[in-house]
Amino acid sequence: MKKLLCIILLICTFALLTACGEKTPEAVDEGFKPALDTETECKITVAGSYDNFEALEAEFDRFNEFYPNVQLSYVKLDDYSNMLGTVLGSNDKPNIFFSYTWMIGNDQYKTVVDHMEDLSDSALGLDLSCIRPGLINHDAQDRVMLAPVFSRTYGMLVNNDLFEKEGLSIPATWTELMKVCEEFRSKGYSSPMMGYSLKSSSSFMNTVAYPLFTATLSENPDALSKANKLDPSAGEYMRPALETVEKLMQNNCIDLNECDKIEDNYTKVILRFFEGDVPMMICTADTVSGTKKRESQSEAFTKTPFNYTFAPIPLTEEGSYFIDSPSIEFSVNKDCDNLDMTNEFMRFLITKDELNQMASVKRLVTPTSDLSLDSVYAPFGQVPAERIISPEELGITDQLTVQIRVAAFQVARGEITIDEAVKKYGSFE
């Protein structure tokens, strides 16, 4: 027995020493093999609207393990949407840039789209199959001009400790949500649910209404066609979503006056939630991405930390929807310098391992097919497949999203009635 034990210990020690050996670049990502001269010297710039992009800069470092002489940098463009077209044709034109599906087919962004490279070109060698198909946009010529880097969804930050303290369960249906809000109010919580409400863009009203409107349209192809064409008759399909928003307000689930004190839909929303007295904060995953970094910025959270998750809002008796759509996408400037190395970096980045790694650092939902989720998003892993909806796959246009966004905002604020909103479909700006 002693001899057998010694042999086992020797085998374990050898395995441990082998595992601790220095990693080679190939061990970092076995799926990537350099296709160009690894001694190449050049510069690659990624332009975007983020103030900083630490997750991407980490990818720069990993790429430099293969190509040590390639200088990669990220720059933020001021007034991004308006300046992008001009910058792409300038002397300092970026190699890669943030792009959005609403740019496709939009005359205002024709210059931008004209600079986009077709990423589906087999000669580039990009493995787009690692991305969930529902996130990939195909234009009229079946080209892929944008590669999803992060995806987003809609839901609510949940203070799990408050639910436990008050002896309540996280709601899974609309009826349960109404009951939970009533219970919290009876215990002294004036606004069981909160969210950003000063402007229609990224307001909590849209976060509630958009998933329901999308779900309604997904069940009726004719309705979707009318809605995309801004046919006024499609306004009737907004009614279930608008009624849900109105009921949240009428049932005192949300105190609009308190919500109006939140100055922006990102940092201020997070810091308000970290005060610890809000059971449910309505927002998108884009907002959730900033939570980890801001835990230390909140005096209240630092003093009294609590467990929280991001959960879908149970808008129906059948439960919640997981709206799976792109958050940030990358396009390649086909007129940039060092195009070959730019495509090589994209080939490196658009892989399951790298996209998952970047999503983990940024705390956003990965766009990859395996949908590995950060623990904060764990509740979304429980949404059944039949209730996962991809607006990209449906073909929902940006003009359509404007209609439900503005309509829900105005209805919730009491500026118009639901009937008036339905009749105005196609005219909201």
Protein backbone atom coordinates (compact mmCIF):
# COMPACT_ATOMS: atom_id res chain seq x y z
CA MET A 1 0.00 0.00 0.00
CA LYS A 2 2.89 2.38 0.81
CA LYS A 3 4.51 1.69 -2.57
CA LEU A 4 1.18 2.26 -4.34
CA LEU A 5 0.69 5.55 -2.49
CA CYS A 6 4.17 6.73 -3.49
CA ILE A 7 3.53 5.92 -7.15
CA ILE A 8 0.25 7.88 -7.09
CA LEU A 9 1.96 10.87 -5.45
CA LEU A 10 4.75 10.82 -8.05
CA ILE A 11 2.23 10.75 -10.92
CA CYS A 12 0.26 13.69 -9.42
CA THR A 13 3.45 15.69 -8.85
CA PHE A 14 4.60 15.14 -12.44
CA ALA A 15 1.18 16.16 -13.80
CA LEU A 16 1.20 19.32 -11.67
CA LEU A 17 4.68 20.33 -12.80
CA THR A 18 3.74 19.73 -16.43
CA ALA A 19 0.59 21.89 -16.08
CA CYS A 20 2.62 24.73 -14.57
CA GLY A 21 4.95 24.94 -17.52
CA GLU A 22 5.22 28.23 -19.43
CA LYS A 23 2.42 28.71 -21.99
CA THR A 24 3.32 29.23 -25.60
CA PRO A 25 1.24 31.52 -27.83
CA GLU A 26 -0.34 28.41 -29.33
CA ALA A 27 -1.48 27.36 -25.86
CA VAL A 28 -3.25 30.69 -25.40
CA ASP A 29 -5.66 29.87 -28.19
CA GLU A 30 -5.10 26.59 -29.98
CA GLY A 31 -7.58 27.54 -32.67
CA PHE A 32 -5.54 30.47 -34.00
CA LYS A 33 -2.49 30.06 -36.20
CA PRO A 34 -0.73 33.12 -37.69
CA ALA A 35 -1.20 33.41 -41.45
CA LEU A 36 1.13 36.38 -42.03
CA ASP A 37 4.76 37.16 -41.28
CA THR A 38 4.89 37.40 -37.48
CA GLU A 39 7.67 40.01 -37.71
CA THR A 40 5.41 42.45 -39.59
CA GLU A 41 5.52 46.01 -38.24
CA CYS A 42 2.39 48.17 -38.63
CA LYS A 43 -0.33 50.07 -36.78
CA ILE A 44 -4.00 49.20 -36.35
CA THR A 45 -6.56 51.55 -34.83
CA VAL A 46 -10.05 50.71 -33.57
CA ALA A 47 -12.46 53.65 -33.30
CA GLY A 48 -15.55 53.65 -31.14
CA SER A 49 -17.83 55.53 -28.79
CA TYR A 50 -16.72 54.00 -25.47
CA ASP A 51 -14.69 56.25 -23.18
CA ASN A 52 -12.31 53.35 -22.68
CA PHE A 53 -12.22 49.73 -23.78
CA GLU A 54 -10.10 47.68 -21.39
CA ALA A 55 -11.52 44.37 -22.61
CA LEU A 56 -10.37 45.11 -26.16
CA GLU A 57 -6.97 46.31 -24.99
CA ALA A 58 -6.51 42.95 -23.30
CA GLU A 59 -7.12 41.36 -26.71
CA PHE A 60 -4.44 43.64 -28.19
CA ASP A 61 -1.97 42.15 -25.71
CA ARG A 62 -3.00 38.62 -26.59
CA PHE A 63 -2.67 39.31 -30.31
CA ASN A 64 0.82 40.73 -29.69
CA GLU A 65 1.89 37.31 -28.44
CA PHE A 66 1.63 36.28 -32.08
CA TYR A 67 2.53 39.58 -33.75
CA PRO A 68 4.75 41.51 -31.29
CA ASN A 69 5.51 44.35 -33.72
CA VAL A 70 1.92 45.30 -34.51
CA GLN A 71 0.86 48.42 -32.62
CA LEU A 72 -2.84 48.31 -31.78
CA SER A 73 -4.76 51.18 -30.21
CA TYR A 74 -8.30 52.21 -29.37
CA VAL A 75 -9.58 55.77 -29.83
CA LYS A 76 -12.89 57.34 -28.86
CA LEU A 77 -14.48 59.60 -31.47
CA ASP A 78 -16.43 62.59 -30.20
CA ASP A 79 -19.92 62.92 -31.71
CA TYR A 80 -19.41 59.40 -33.04
CA SER A 81 -22.48 58.97 -35.26
CA ASN A 82 -22.06 62.31 -37.01
CA MET A 83 -18.27 62.23 -37.40
CA LEU A 84 -17.71 58.59 -38.36
CA GLY A 85 -18.33 58.99 -42.12
CA THR A 86 -15.84 61.86 -42.33
CA VAL A 87 -13.17 60.13 -40.22
CA LEU A 88 -13.29 56.91 -42.27
CA GLY A 89 -12.07 58.82 -45.33
CA SER A 90 -9.51 61.01 -43.54
CA ASN A 91 -5.73 60.67 -43.33
CA ASP A 92 -6.15 59.23 -39.82
CA LYS A 93 -8.79 56.71 -40.85
CA PRO A 94 -9.31 53.81 -38.42
CA ASN A 95 -8.92 50.19 -39.46
CA ILE A 96 -11.89 48.91 -37.47
CA PHE A 97 -14.89 50.81 -36.12
CA PHE A 98 -18.02 50.37 -34.04
CA SER A 99 -21.01 49.76 -36.28
CA TYR A 100 -24.72 49.17 -35.82
CA THR A 101 -27.34 47.37 -37.87
CA TRP A 102 -29.46 50.52 -38.10
CA MET A 103 -26.76 51.99 -40.32
CA ILE A 104 -27.54 49.47 -43.05
CA GLY A 105 -30.02 50.91 -45.54
CA ASN A 106 -30.00 54.31 -43.81
CA ASP A 107 -29.17 57.08 -46.31
CA GLN A 108 -27.61 59.14 -43.53
CA TYR A 109 -24.93 56.48 -43.10
CA LYS A 110 -24.38 55.56 -46.74
CA THR A 111 -20.80 56.88 -46.57
CA VAL A 112 -20.11 54.72 -43.55
CA VAL A 113 -21.59 51.58 -45.13
CA ASP A 114 -19.62 52.23 -48.34
CA HIS A 115 -16.42 51.83 -46.32
CA MET A 116 -17.47 48.48 -44.82
CA GLU A 117 -15.74 45.31 -45.94
CA ASP A 118 -17.81 42.19 -46.64
CA LEU A 119 -16.85 39.99 -43.69
CA SER A 120 -18.56 36.95 -45.21
CA ASP A 121 -15.93 36.79 -47.97
CA SER A 122 -14.43 33.31 -47.58
CA ALA A 123 -10.99 34.65 -48.50
CA LEU A 124 -10.85 36.47 -45.15
CA GLY A 125 -11.17 33.24 -43.17
CA LEU A 126 -13.41 34.66 -40.44
CA ASP A 127 -15.27 31.98 -38.50
CA LEU A 128 -18.67 33.66 -38.28
CA SER A 129 -20.18 30.30 -37.36
CA CYS A 130 -18.99 30.81 -33.78
CA ILE A 131 -21.58 33.61 -33.45
CA ARG A 132 -25.26 32.91 -32.81
CA PRO A 133 -26.93 33.12 -36.26
CA GLY A 134 -29.74 35.31 -34.96
CA LEU A 135 -27.28 38.10 -34.20
CA ILE A 136 -25.78 38.32 -37.68
CA ASN A 137 -27.20 40.88 -40.09
CA HIS A 138 -27.25 40.06 -43.81
CA ASP A 139 -27.84 42.94 -46.20
CA ALA A 140 -29.88 42.81 -49.43
CA GLN A 141 -26.91 41.20 -51.22
CA ASP A 142 -26.53 38.64 -48.38
CA ARG A 143 -23.27 40.27 -47.28
CA VAL A 144 -22.20 40.49 -43.65
CA MET A 145 -20.88 43.98 -43.03
CA LEU A 146 -20.86 43.87 -39.21
CA ALA A 147 -19.54 41.28 -36.77
CA PRO A 148 -21.27 41.19 -33.35
CA VAL A 149 -18.75 41.55 -30.52
CA PHE A 150 -21.20 41.85 -27.62
CA SER A 151 -24.92 41.19 -27.37
CA ARG A 152 -27.54 42.85 -25.19
CA THR A 153 -30.85 42.03 -23.67
CA TYR A 154 -33.53 43.73 -21.59
CA GLY A 155 -34.37 43.11 -17.96
CA MET A 156 -33.92 44.31 -14.40
CA LEU A 157 -31.18 44.35 -11.79
CA VAL A 158 -32.52 42.47 -8.77
CA ASN A 159 -31.38 43.08 -5.19
CA ASN A 160 -31.53 39.46 -4.08
CA ASP A 161 -30.73 40.34 -0.47
CA LEU A 162 -33.80 42.60 -0.22
CA PHE A 163 -36.03 39.80 -1.48
CA GLU A 164 -34.52 37.44 1.09
CA LYS A 165 -34.78 40.03 3.88
CA GLU A 166 -38.48 40.60 3.18
CA GLY A 167 -39.23 36.92 2.68
CA LEU A 168 -40.22 37.31 -0.97
CA SER A 169 -39.42 35.27 -4.08
CA ILE A 170 -38.18 36.64 -7.40
CA PRO A 171 -41.32 36.88 -9.59
CA ALA A 172 -41.60 34.51 -12.54
CA THR A 173 -44.99 35.63 -13.93
CA TRP A 174 -46.85 38.91 -14.37
CA THR A 175 -49.22 38.10 -11.50
CA GLU A 176 -46.28 37.35 -9.23
CA LEU A 177 -44.62 40.63 -10.24
CA MET A 178 -47.73 42.60 -9.32
CA LYS A 179 -47.99 40.78 -6.00
CA VAL A 180 -44.31 41.34 -5.19
CA CYS A 181 -44.60 45.06 -5.92
CA GLU A 182 -47.63 45.28 -3.63
CA GLU A 183 -45.77 43.42 -0.87
CA PHE A 184 -42.75 45.73 -1.15
CA ARG A 185 -44.97 48.82 -1.00
CA SER A 186 -46.67 47.49 2.12
CA LYS A 187 -43.22 47.15 3.68
CA GLY A 188 -42.34 50.78 2.99
CA TYR A 189 -40.68 50.66 -0.42
CA SER A 190 -42.23 53.57 -2.33
CA SER A 191 -40.95 52.45 -5.72
CA PRO A 192 -40.41 48.67 -5.92
CA MET A 193 -39.24 49.12 -9.52
CA MET A 194 -37.20 52.02 -10.90
CA GLY A 195 -35.35 53.01 -14.06
CA TYR A 196 -34.16 55.90 -16.18
CA SER A 197 -37.07 58.08 -17.35
CA LEU A 198 -35.87 61.52 -18.49
CA LYS A 199 -35.59 60.77 -22.23
CA SER A 200 -37.18 58.16 -24.47
CA SER A 201 -33.81 56.75 -25.53
CA SER A 202 -32.89 53.89 -23.17
CA SER A 203 -35.81 54.69 -20.85
CA PHE A 204 -37.30 51.99 -18.65
CA MET A 205 -40.52 52.37 -20.64
CA ASN A 206 -38.81 51.05 -23.76
CA THR A 207 -37.07 48.29 -21.82
CA VAL A 208 -40.50 47.03 -20.79
CA ALA A 209 -42.40 47.65 -24.04
CA TYR A 210 -39.89 46.60 -26.70
CA PRO A 211 -39.70 42.89 -25.75
CA LEU A 212 -43.49 42.58 -25.72
CA PHE A 213 -43.92 44.42 -29.02
CA THR A 214 -41.22 42.26 -30.59
CA ALA A 215 -42.88 39.10 -29.29
CA THR A 216 -46.26 40.20 -30.71
CA LEU A 217 -44.74 40.85 -34.13
CA SER A 218 -42.82 37.57 -34.12
CA GLU A 219 -46.12 35.70 -34.03
CA ASN A 220 -47.51 37.50 -37.08
CA PRO A 221 -45.34 37.97 -40.22
CA ASP A 222 -47.96 40.23 -41.82
CA ALA A 223 -47.94 42.46 -38.76
CA LEU A 224 -44.15 42.69 -38.87
CA SER A 225 -44.23 43.68 -42.53
CA LYS A 226 -46.76 46.44 -41.83
CA ALA A 227 -44.84 47.64 -38.78
CA ASN A 228 -41.55 47.86 -40.69
CA LYS A 229 -43.29 49.87 -43.41
CA LEU A 230 -44.68 52.21 -40.72
CA ASP A 231 -48.20 51.38 -41.80
CA PRO A 232 -50.51 53.18 -39.30
CA SER A 233 -52.64 50.06 -39.03
CA ALA A 234 -49.70 48.31 -37.34
CA GLY A 235 -50.16 50.58 -34.34
CA GLU A 236 -52.72 48.17 -32.94
CA TYR A 237 -49.93 45.64 -32.39
CA MET A 238 -48.34 48.03 -29.89
CA ARG A 239 -51.38 47.90 -27.65
CA PRO A 240 -50.40 44.88 -25.44
CA ALA A 241 -46.96 46.39 -24.78
CA LEU A 242 -48.36 49.84 -24.02
CA GLU A 243 -51.03 48.40 -21.72
CA THR A 244 -48.32 46.60 -19.76
CA VAL A 245 -46.33 49.82 -19.31
CA GLU A 246 -49.46 51.67 -18.24
CA LYS A 247 -50.39 48.98 -15.70
CA LEU A 248 -46.96 49.24 -14.08
CA MET A 249 -47.61 52.94 -13.56
CA GLN A 250 -51.26 52.59 -12.49
CA ASN A 251 -50.44 49.84 -9.99
CA ASN A 252 -47.80 52.06 -8.37
CA CYS A 253 -44.99 49.65 -9.15
CA ILE A 254 -42.91 52.64 -10.27
CA ASP A 255 -42.67 56.12 -8.77
CA LEU A 256 -41.98 58.32 -11.80
CA ASN A 257 -40.95 61.30 -9.68
CA GLU A 258 -38.22 59.23 -8.05
CA CYS A 259 -37.09 57.87 -11.42
CA ASP A 260 -36.81 61.39 -12.82
CA LYS A 261 -34.08 62.10 -10.26
CA ILE A 262 -31.76 59.65 -12.05
CA GLU A 263 -29.68 61.79 -14.39
CA ASP A 264 -28.43 59.19 -16.86
CA ASN A 265 -29.17 55.64 -17.86
CA TYR A 266 -25.73 54.25 -17.03
CA THR A 267 -23.62 55.41 -14.08
CA LYS A 268 -26.45 57.14 -12.22
CA VAL A 269 -28.77 54.17 -12.65
CA ILE A 270 -26.10 51.84 -11.25
CA LEU A 271 -25.24 54.09 -8.30
CA ARG A 272 -28.93 54.56 -7.47
CA PHE A 273 -29.40 50.79 -7.43
CA PHE A 274 -26.35 50.40 -5.20
CA GLU A 275 -28.02 52.58 -2.57
CA GLY A 276 -29.61 49.28 -1.59
CA ASP A 277 -33.26 50.30 -1.26
CA VAL A 278 -34.43 49.47 -4.81
CA PRO A 279 -35.68 45.88 -5.20
CA MET A 280 -35.74 45.97 -9.04
CA MET A 281 -33.97 48.41 -11.37
CA ILE A 282 -35.14 48.22 -15.00
CA CYS A 283 -32.30 48.55 -17.53
CA THR A 284 -30.43 46.82 -20.36
CA ALA A 285 -27.33 44.65 -20.27
CA ASP A 286 -25.33 47.65 -21.52
CA THR A 287 -25.94 49.25 -18.14
CA VAL A 288 -25.19 46.04 -16.28
CA SER A 289 -21.75 45.96 -17.91
CA GLY A 290 -20.71 48.90 -15.72
CA THR A 291 -21.78 47.43 -12.38
CA LYS A 292 -18.59 45.63 -11.34
CA LYS A 293 -16.38 48.67 -11.84
CA ARG A 294 -18.79 50.92 -9.93
CA GLU A 295 -19.21 48.77 -6.85
CA SER A 296 -16.19 50.50 -5.30
CA GLN A 297 -17.47 53.93 -6.41
CA SER A 298 -20.63 53.55 -4.33
CA GLU A 299 -20.14 54.48 -0.69
CA ALA A 300 -23.41 52.75 0.19
CA PHE A 301 -22.50 49.50 -1.58
CA THR A 302 -18.97 49.52 -0.16
CA LYS A 303 -20.38 49.91 3.33
CA THR A 304 -23.21 47.40 2.86
CA PRO A 305 -22.63 45.16 -0.18
CA PHE A 306 -25.42 42.90 -1.39
CA ASN A 307 -25.95 40.09 -3.85
CA TYR A 308 -27.55 41.06 -7.15
CA THR A 309 -28.35 39.54 -10.52
CA PHE A 310 -29.81 40.68 -13.83
CA ALA A 311 -33.10 38.96 -14.58
CA PRO A 312 -35.71 39.10 -17.34
CA ILE A 313 -38.90 40.98 -16.46
CA PRO A 314 -41.88 38.57 -16.23
CA LEU A 315 -44.21 40.47 -18.55
CA THR A 316 -46.73 37.66 -19.17
CA GLU A 317 -48.32 34.79 -17.29
CA GLU A 318 -46.07 32.45 -19.28
CA GLY A 319 -42.97 34.23 -18.00
CA SER A 320 -40.25 36.35 -19.55
CA TYR A 321 -38.65 36.92 -22.93
CA PHE A 322 -34.96 36.91 -23.72
CA ILE A 323 -34.49 39.50 -26.46
CA ASP A 324 -31.17 38.55 -28.02
CA SER A 325 -29.74 41.41 -30.07
CA PRO A 326 -26.29 42.86 -30.85
CA SER A 327 -24.87 45.52 -28.59
CA ILE A 328 -21.56 46.46 -30.23
CA GLU A 329 -20.50 45.28 -33.67
CA PHE A 330 -17.20 45.73 -35.51
CA SER A 331 -16.76 46.62 -39.16
CA VAL A 332 -13.53 46.75 -41.12
CA ASN A 333 -12.68 49.88 -43.12
CA LYS A 334 -11.90 48.34 -46.49
CA ASP A 335 -9.98 51.49 -47.47
CA CYS A 336 -7.68 51.45 -44.43
CA ASP A 337 -3.91 51.00 -44.34
CA ASN A 338 -2.59 47.54 -43.46
CA LEU A 339 -5.81 45.82 -44.48
CA ASP A 340 -4.24 42.34 -44.45
CA MET A 341 -3.12 42.65 -40.83
CA THR A 342 -6.45 44.25 -39.92
CA ASN A 343 -8.26 41.17 -41.23
CA GLU A 344 -5.77 38.97 -39.41
CA PHE A 345 -6.67 40.66 -36.13
CA MET A 346 -10.37 40.19 -36.89
CA ARG A 347 -9.71 36.52 -37.64
CA PHE A 348 -8.05 36.27 -34.23
CA LEU A 349 -10.82 38.15 -32.42
CA ILE A 350 -13.87 36.51 -33.99
CA THR A 351 -13.46 33.18 -32.25
CA LYS A 352 -15.41 31.62 -29.41
CA ASP A 353 -12.58 31.88 -26.89
CA GLU A 354 -11.66 35.50 -27.57
CA LEU A 355 -15.23 36.79 -27.74
CA ASN A 356 -16.12 34.95 -24.53
CA GLN A 357 -13.00 36.33 -22.85
CA MET A 358 -13.81 39.89 -23.90
CA ALA A 359 -17.45 39.59 -22.81
CA SER A 360 -16.32 38.30 -19.42
CA VAL A 361 -14.00 41.28 -18.88
CA LYS A 362 -16.61 43.78 -20.10
CA ARG A 363 -19.40 42.00 -18.23
CA LEU A 364 -21.65 41.83 -21.26
CA VAL A 365 -23.42 38.92 -22.91
CA THR A 366 -21.19 37.02 -25.31
CA PRO A 367 -22.41 36.71 -28.93
CA THR A 368 -21.01 33.19 -29.32
CA SER A 369 -23.05 30.10 -30.00
CA ASP A 370 -22.35 28.49 -26.62
CA LEU A 371 -23.89 31.49 -24.76
CA SER A 372 -21.71 31.12 -21.68
CA LEU A 373 -23.05 33.68 -19.21
CA ASP A 374 -21.45 35.73 -16.45
CA SER A 375 -23.01 34.73 -13.10
CA VAL A 376 -24.84 38.06 -12.93
CA TYR A 377 -26.84 36.97 -16.01
CA ALA A 378 -27.61 33.49 -14.66
CA PRO A 379 -31.41 34.01 -14.60
CA PHE A 380 -31.43 34.38 -18.40
CA GLY A 381 -30.09 30.85 -18.70
CA GLN A 382 -33.45 29.65 -17.39
CA VAL A 383 -35.51 31.25 -20.18
CA PRO A 384 -36.82 28.46 -22.47
CA ALA A 385 -35.59 28.43 -26.07
CA GLU A 386 -39.05 29.20 -27.46
CA ARG A 387 -39.05 32.52 -25.59
CA ILE A 388 -35.69 33.68 -26.93
CA ILE A 389 -36.31 36.20 -29.71
CA SER A 390 -33.75 37.70 -32.09
CA PRO A 391 -34.82 41.03 -33.65
CA GLU A 392 -32.05 40.64 -36.25
CA GLU A 393 -33.44 37.31 -37.39
CA LEU A 394 -36.96 38.73 -37.54
CA GLY A 395 -35.80 41.69 -39.60
CA ILE A 396 -36.99 44.45 -37.27
CA THR A 397 -35.89 47.86 -38.52
CA ASP A 398 -34.69 50.87 -36.57
CA GLN A 399 -37.70 52.94 -37.71
CA LEU A 400 -39.96 50.39 -36.04
CA THR A 401 -38.04 50.57 -32.75
CA VAL A 402 -38.41 54.36 -32.71
CA GLN A 403 -42.19 54.01 -32.81
CA ILE A 404 -42.52 51.75 -29.77
CA ARG A 405 -39.81 53.62 -27.86
CA VAL A 406 -41.44 57.04 -28.14
CA ALA A 407 -44.98 55.71 -27.79
CA ALA A 408 -44.19 53.85 -24.55
CA PHE A 409 -42.36 56.88 -23.15
CA GLN A 410 -45.24 59.25 -23.80
CA VAL A 411 -47.91 56.84 -22.56
CA ALA A 412 -46.04 56.18 -19.30
CA ARG A 413 -45.64 59.90 -18.67
CA GLY A 414 -49.33 60.50 -19.33
CA GLU A 415 -48.64 62.71 -22.35
CA ILE A 416 -50.89 60.65 -24.64
CA THR A 417 -53.38 57.81 -24.23
CA ILE A 418 -52.86 54.31 -25.59
CA ASP A 419 -55.54 54.91 -28.23
CA GLU A 420 -53.76 58.07 -29.36
CA ALA A 421 -50.43 56.26 -29.49
CA VAL A 422 -51.92 53.45 -31.59
CA LYS A 423 -53.32 55.97 -34.10
CA LYS A 424 -50.00 57.84 -34.30
CA TYR A 425 -47.96 54.78 -35.29
CA GLY A 426 -45.57 55.68 -38.08
CA SER A 427 -45.40 59.37 -37.13
CA PHE A 428 -43.26 59.21 -33.99
CA GLU A 429 -39.78 60.70 -34.32
